[in-house]
Amino acid sequence: MVRSKKEMNTELREQMRGGKGTVSITHLVEKEQLHNCRLMSSIEIPIGASIGQHTHENETEYYIIMEGEGKVLEADGEKTVGSGDVVITGHGESHSIRNVGSTPLFLVAIIITH
């Protein structure tokens, strides 16, 4: 199966998870087609915008940073992330991410359910 870009739904989320600004989420695969997975999407975080702090119980989220620069807040502090980095959050851990760069921050988010 091939899913073309024109088949993908995009939604805008204001203040996602208590964050700042409007985040654009393109669903790469629709929920009905996912197995052992809750989400597989590309996300654009504009300059100065963020996804607020949230916890992952019984699931693991992977952020694959494609472009831009961000700051991720985890239990052990804040870390700078950029193109090629992967953020892994699960087992009751929480995280947030904000765009601190001068260009939009693009990432792919995948949430695997346990």
N, C-alpha and C. Protein backbone atom coordinates (compact mmCIF):
# COMPACT_ATOMS: atom_id res chain seq x y z
N MET A 1 0.83 -1.18 0.00
CA MET A 1 0.00 0.00 0.00
C MET A 1 0.88 1.24 0.00
N VAL A 2 0.49 2.20 -0.80
CA VAL A 2 1.15 3.50 -0.83
C VAL A 2 0.12 4.54 -0.46
N ARG A 3 0.49 5.42 0.43
CA ARG A 3 -0.42 6.51 0.83
C ARG A 3 0.19 7.80 0.32
N SER A 4 -0.48 8.44 -0.61
CA SER A 4 0.06 9.67 -1.21
C SER A 4 -0.16 10.87 -0.29
N LYS A 5 0.67 11.85 -0.45
CA LYS A 5 0.61 13.08 0.36
C LYS A 5 -0.77 13.70 0.30
N LYS A 6 -1.41 13.68 -0.88
CA LYS A 6 -2.72 14.32 -1.02
C LYS A 6 -3.82 13.60 -0.23
N GLU A 7 -3.57 12.37 0.19
CA GLU A 7 -4.54 11.61 1.00
C GLU A 7 -4.41 11.90 2.50
N MET A 8 -3.35 12.56 2.89
CA MET A 8 -3.07 12.79 4.31
C MET A 8 -3.82 13.99 4.84
N ASN A 9 -4.40 13.82 6.01
CA ASN A 9 -5.15 14.88 6.67
C ASN A 9 -4.22 15.70 7.56
N THR A 10 -4.38 17.01 7.50
CA THR A 10 -3.61 17.92 8.34
C THR A 10 -4.56 18.65 9.26
N GLU A 11 -4.16 18.77 10.53
CA GLU A 11 -4.96 19.52 11.49
C GLU A 11 -4.07 20.55 12.19
N LEU A 12 -4.68 21.63 12.59
CA LEU A 12 -3.98 22.67 13.34
C LEU A 12 -4.43 22.58 14.79
N ARG A 13 -3.46 22.60 15.70
CA ARG A 13 -3.78 22.53 17.13
C ARG A 13 -3.23 23.76 17.83
N GLU A 14 -4.16 24.52 18.40
CA GLU A 14 -3.79 25.71 19.18
C GLU A 14 -3.32 25.26 20.56
N GLN A 15 -2.25 25.82 21.03
CA GLN A 15 -1.73 25.55 22.37
C GLN A 15 -1.73 24.06 22.69
N MET A 16 -1.13 23.26 21.82
CA MET A 16 -1.12 21.81 21.98
C MET A 16 -0.50 21.39 23.31
N ARG A 17 -1.24 20.60 24.06
CA ARG A 17 -0.80 20.10 25.38
C ARG A 17 -0.38 21.24 26.30
N GLY A 18 -1.01 22.41 26.13
CA GLY A 18 -0.68 23.56 26.95
C GLY A 18 0.50 24.37 26.45
N GLY A 19 0.97 24.06 25.25
CA GLY A 19 2.10 24.78 24.67
C GLY A 19 1.68 26.13 24.10
N LYS A 20 2.60 26.76 23.38
CA LYS A 20 2.36 28.07 22.78
C LYS A 20 2.17 27.96 21.28
N GLY A 21 1.35 28.84 20.72
CA GLY A 21 1.20 28.93 19.28
C GLY A 21 0.35 27.81 18.68
N THR A 22 0.40 27.72 17.35
CA THR A 22 -0.38 26.74 16.60
C THR A 22 0.56 25.75 15.93
N VAL A 23 0.36 24.47 16.20
CA VAL A 23 1.18 23.39 15.67
C VAL A 23 0.39 22.70 14.55
N SER A 24 1.06 22.37 13.46
CA SER A 24 0.45 21.68 12.32
C SER A 24 0.82 20.20 12.37
N ILE A 25 -0.21 19.33 12.34
CA ILE A 25 0.01 17.88 12.40
C ILE A 25 -0.55 17.24 11.14
N THR A 26 0.30 16.56 10.38
CA THR A 26 -0.14 15.81 9.20
C THR A 26 -0.10 14.34 9.55
N HIS A 27 -1.26 13.69 9.50
CA HIS A 27 -1.36 12.27 9.84
C HIS A 27 -0.86 11.44 8.66
N LEU A 28 0.33 10.84 8.81
CA LEU A 28 0.93 10.05 7.75
C LEU A 28 0.14 8.77 7.51
N VAL A 29 -0.39 8.22 8.60
CA VAL A 29 -1.23 7.03 8.55
C VAL A 29 -2.44 7.29 9.44
N GLU A 30 -3.63 6.97 8.96
CA GLU A 30 -4.84 7.18 9.75
C GLU A 30 -4.96 6.13 10.85
N LYS A 31 -5.64 6.48 11.93
CA LYS A 31 -5.77 5.59 13.09
C LYS A 31 -6.23 4.19 12.73
N GLU A 32 -7.17 4.08 11.80
CA GLU A 32 -7.72 2.77 11.43
C GLU A 32 -6.68 1.85 10.79
N GLN A 33 -5.60 2.43 10.29
CA GLN A 33 -4.57 1.64 9.61
C GLN A 33 -3.36 1.36 10.50
N LEU A 34 -3.38 1.88 11.72
CA LEU A 34 -2.25 1.69 12.63
C LEU A 34 -2.44 0.42 13.45
N HIS A 35 -1.35 -0.29 13.70
CA HIS A 35 -1.36 -1.49 14.52
C HIS A 35 -0.30 -1.34 15.60
N ASN A 36 -0.70 -1.51 16.87
CA ASN A 36 0.22 -1.34 18.01
C ASN A 36 0.85 0.05 18.02
N CYS A 37 0.12 0.98 17.48
CA CYS A 37 0.62 2.34 17.32
C CYS A 37 -0.57 3.28 17.42
N ARG A 38 -0.41 4.37 18.15
CA ARG A 38 -1.50 5.34 18.31
C ARG A 38 -1.38 6.53 17.38
N LEU A 39 -0.16 6.83 16.94
CA LEU A 39 0.06 8.02 16.13
C LEU A 39 1.29 7.84 15.25
N MET A 40 1.20 8.30 14.01
CA MET A 40 2.34 8.40 13.10
C MET A 40 2.10 9.64 12.25
N SER A 41 2.77 10.73 12.63
CA SER A 41 2.49 12.03 12.01
C SER A 41 3.75 12.85 11.83
N SER A 42 3.68 13.77 10.87
CA SER A 42 4.72 14.79 10.77
C SER A 42 4.16 16.05 11.43
N ILE A 43 5.02 16.74 12.14
CA ILE A 43 4.59 17.90 12.92
C ILE A 43 5.48 19.08 12.58
N GLU A 44 4.84 20.23 12.38
CA GLU A 44 5.57 21.48 12.17
C GLU A 44 5.28 22.38 13.36
N ILE A 45 6.36 22.80 14.03
CA ILE A 45 6.25 23.73 15.15
C ILE A 45 6.86 25.06 14.70
N PRO A 46 6.04 26.10 14.56
CA PRO A 46 6.56 27.39 14.10
C PRO A 46 7.56 28.00 15.08
N ILE A 47 8.28 29.00 14.62
CA ILE A 47 9.24 29.72 15.46
C ILE A 47 8.52 30.22 16.72
N GLY A 48 9.09 29.91 17.88
CA GLY A 48 8.54 30.37 19.15
C GLY A 48 7.40 29.53 19.70
N ALA A 49 6.91 28.57 18.94
CA ALA A 49 5.79 27.74 19.39
C ALA A 49 6.31 26.49 20.11
N SER A 50 5.38 25.75 20.74
CA SER A 50 5.79 24.57 21.50
C SER A 50 4.64 23.57 21.66
N ILE A 51 5.02 22.36 22.06
CA ILE A 51 4.08 21.35 22.54
C ILE A 51 4.36 21.24 24.03
N GLY A 52 3.34 21.44 24.85
CA GLY A 52 3.53 21.47 26.30
C GLY A 52 3.86 20.13 26.91
N GLN A 53 4.22 20.18 28.18
CA GLN A 53 4.61 18.99 28.95
C GLN A 53 3.46 17.99 29.01
N HIS A 54 3.74 16.74 28.69
CA HIS A 54 2.75 15.66 28.75
C HIS A 54 3.44 14.34 29.04
N THR A 55 2.67 13.40 29.61
CA THR A 55 3.20 12.11 30.07
C THR A 55 2.74 10.99 29.16
N HIS A 56 3.59 9.97 29.03
CA HIS A 56 3.28 8.80 28.20
C HIS A 56 3.22 7.55 29.09
N GLU A 57 1.99 7.13 29.41
CA GLU A 57 1.73 5.91 30.18
C GLU A 57 1.38 4.80 29.20
N ASN A 58 1.96 3.63 29.38
CA ASN A 58 1.66 2.46 28.54
C ASN A 58 1.89 2.71 27.05
N GLU A 59 2.83 3.57 26.74
CA GLU A 59 3.19 3.87 25.36
C GLU A 59 4.56 4.53 25.34
N THR A 60 5.17 4.56 24.16
CA THR A 60 6.45 5.25 23.98
C THR A 60 6.33 6.15 22.75
N GLU A 61 6.75 7.39 22.92
CA GLU A 61 6.73 8.33 21.80
C GLU A 61 8.15 8.59 21.31
N TYR A 62 8.29 8.60 20.00
CA TYR A 62 9.56 8.90 19.34
C TYR A 62 9.38 10.18 18.55
N TYR A 63 10.22 11.17 18.78
CA TYR A 63 10.30 12.36 17.95
C TYR A 63 11.56 12.20 17.11
N ILE A 64 11.42 12.18 15.81
CA ILE A 64 12.57 12.16 14.91
C ILE A 64 12.69 13.56 14.34
N ILE A 65 13.73 14.27 14.71
CA ILE A 65 13.89 15.66 14.29
C ILE A 65 14.40 15.68 12.86
N MET A 66 13.63 16.31 11.98
CA MET A 66 13.98 16.37 10.56
C MET A 66 14.69 17.67 10.19
N GLU A 67 14.19 18.79 10.71
CA GLU A 67 14.77 20.11 10.42
C GLU A 67 14.50 21.04 11.58
N GLY A 68 15.39 22.00 11.76
CA GLY A 68 15.19 23.02 12.77
C GLY A 68 15.92 22.69 14.07
N GLU A 69 15.67 23.56 15.07
CA GLU A 69 16.31 23.42 16.37
C GLU A 69 15.27 23.57 17.47
N GLY A 70 15.33 22.66 18.44
CA GLY A 70 14.37 22.71 19.54
C GLY A 70 15.02 22.47 20.87
N LYS A 71 14.24 22.69 21.91
CA LYS A 71 14.63 22.37 23.28
C LYS A 71 13.59 21.40 23.81
N VAL A 72 14.06 20.26 24.32
CA VAL A 72 13.20 19.25 24.91
C VAL A 72 13.43 19.28 26.41
N LEU A 73 12.33 19.31 27.17
CA LEU A 73 12.42 19.26 28.63
C LEU A 73 12.00 17.86 29.06
N GLU A 74 12.91 17.17 29.76
CA GLU A 74 12.64 15.84 30.31
C GLU A 74 12.94 15.89 31.81
N ALA A 75 12.74 14.78 32.49
CA ALA A 75 12.95 14.72 33.94
C ALA A 75 14.36 15.14 34.34
N ASP A 76 15.35 14.84 33.51
CA ASP A 76 16.73 15.18 33.87
C ASP A 76 17.21 16.50 33.27
N GLY A 77 16.28 17.33 32.84
CA GLY A 77 16.65 18.66 32.38
C GLY A 77 16.33 18.93 30.92
N GLU A 78 16.80 20.08 30.46
CA GLU A 78 16.51 20.54 29.10
C GLU A 78 17.68 20.20 28.18
N LYS A 79 17.34 19.76 26.96
CA LYS A 79 18.36 19.38 25.99
C LYS A 79 18.05 20.03 24.65
N THR A 80 19.07 20.44 23.94
CA THR A 80 18.93 20.98 22.59
C THR A 80 18.90 19.83 21.60
N VAL A 81 17.95 19.89 20.64
CA VAL A 81 17.85 18.86 19.61
C VAL A 81 17.84 19.52 18.24
N GLY A 82 18.33 18.76 17.25
CA GLY A 82 18.38 19.25 15.87
C GLY A 82 18.27 18.09 14.90
N SER A 83 18.39 18.40 13.64
CA SER A 83 18.24 17.44 12.55
C SER A 83 19.00 16.15 12.81
N GLY A 84 18.28 15.02 12.71
CA GLY A 84 18.89 13.71 12.90
C GLY A 84 18.77 13.16 14.31
N ASP A 85 18.41 14.01 15.28
CA ASP A 85 18.27 13.55 16.65
C ASP A 85 16.94 12.82 16.84
N VAL A 86 16.89 11.90 17.82
CA VAL A 86 15.67 11.18 18.16
C VAL A 86 15.43 11.35 19.66
N VAL A 87 14.21 11.74 20.01
CA VAL A 87 13.79 11.87 21.40
C VAL A 87 12.89 10.68 21.71
N ILE A 88 13.17 9.95 22.79
CA ILE A 88 12.39 8.77 23.15
C ILE A 88 11.82 8.99 24.54
N THR A 89 10.48 8.91 24.65
CA THR A 89 9.81 9.14 25.93
C THR A 89 8.76 8.07 26.15
N GLY A 90 8.82 7.39 27.29
CA GLY A 90 7.85 6.34 27.60
C GLY A 90 7.93 5.94 29.06
N HIS A 91 7.20 4.89 29.41
CA HIS A 91 7.24 4.30 30.76
C HIS A 91 6.90 5.31 31.85
N GLY A 92 5.87 6.14 31.61
CA GLY A 92 5.44 7.11 32.61
C GLY A 92 6.24 8.39 32.63
N GLU A 93 7.20 8.54 31.71
CA GLU A 93 8.00 9.76 31.63
C GLU A 93 7.21 10.85 30.91
N SER A 94 7.65 12.08 31.10
CA SER A 94 7.00 13.20 30.42
C SER A 94 8.04 14.03 29.68
N HIS A 95 7.55 14.84 28.74
CA HIS A 95 8.42 15.72 27.97
C HIS A 95 7.62 16.86 27.36
N SER A 96 8.35 17.86 26.90
CA SER A 96 7.79 18.96 26.10
C SER A 96 8.86 19.33 25.09
N ILE A 97 8.44 20.06 24.05
CA ILE A 97 9.40 20.50 23.04
C ILE A 97 8.99 21.89 22.56
N ARG A 98 9.99 22.74 22.35
CA ARG A 98 9.71 24.08 21.82
C ARG A 98 10.73 24.43 20.76
N ASN A 99 10.29 25.21 19.81
CA ASN A 99 11.15 25.66 18.73
C ASN A 99 11.94 26.87 19.23
N VAL A 100 13.26 26.73 19.24
CA VAL A 100 14.13 27.83 19.67
C VAL A 100 14.97 28.36 18.52
N GLY A 101 14.72 27.84 17.31
CA GLY A 101 15.50 28.23 16.15
C GLY A 101 14.90 29.40 15.39
N SER A 102 15.50 29.70 14.25
CA SER A 102 15.05 30.82 13.41
C SER A 102 14.24 30.33 12.20
N THR A 103 13.94 29.02 12.18
CA THR A 103 13.13 28.41 11.12
C THR A 103 12.13 27.46 11.78
N PRO A 104 11.08 27.05 11.06
CA PRO A 104 10.15 26.07 11.65
C PRO A 104 10.89 24.78 12.04
N LEU A 105 10.39 24.13 13.09
CA LEU A 105 10.92 22.85 13.56
C LEU A 105 10.02 21.76 13.00
N PHE A 106 10.61 20.83 12.23
CA PHE A 106 9.86 19.72 11.64
C PHE A 106 10.31 18.43 12.30
N LEU A 107 9.33 17.60 12.69
CA LEU A 107 9.65 16.31 13.27
C LEU A 107 8.61 15.28 12.86
N VAL A 108 8.98 14.02 12.96
CA VAL A 108 8.04 12.92 12.77
C VAL A 108 7.80 12.36 14.16
N ALA A 109 6.52 12.20 14.54
CA ALA A 109 6.17 11.66 15.85
C ALA A 109 5.49 10.30 15.65
N ILE A 110 5.97 9.31 16.40
CA ILE A 110 5.40 7.98 16.37
C ILE A 110 5.14 7.57 17.81
N ILE A 111 3.90 7.16 18.10
CA ILE A 111 3.56 6.68 19.44
C ILE A 111 3.20 5.21 19.35
N ILE A 112 4.02 4.37 19.97
CA ILE A 112 3.83 2.92 20.02
C ILE A 112 3.11 2.58 21.31
N THR A 113 2.06 1.77 21.24
CA THR A 113 1.33 1.37 22.45
C THR A 113 1.88 0.07 22.97
N HIS A 114 1.87 -0.09 24.30
CA HIS A 114 2.40 -1.30 24.96
C HIS A 114 1.25 -2.19 25.38
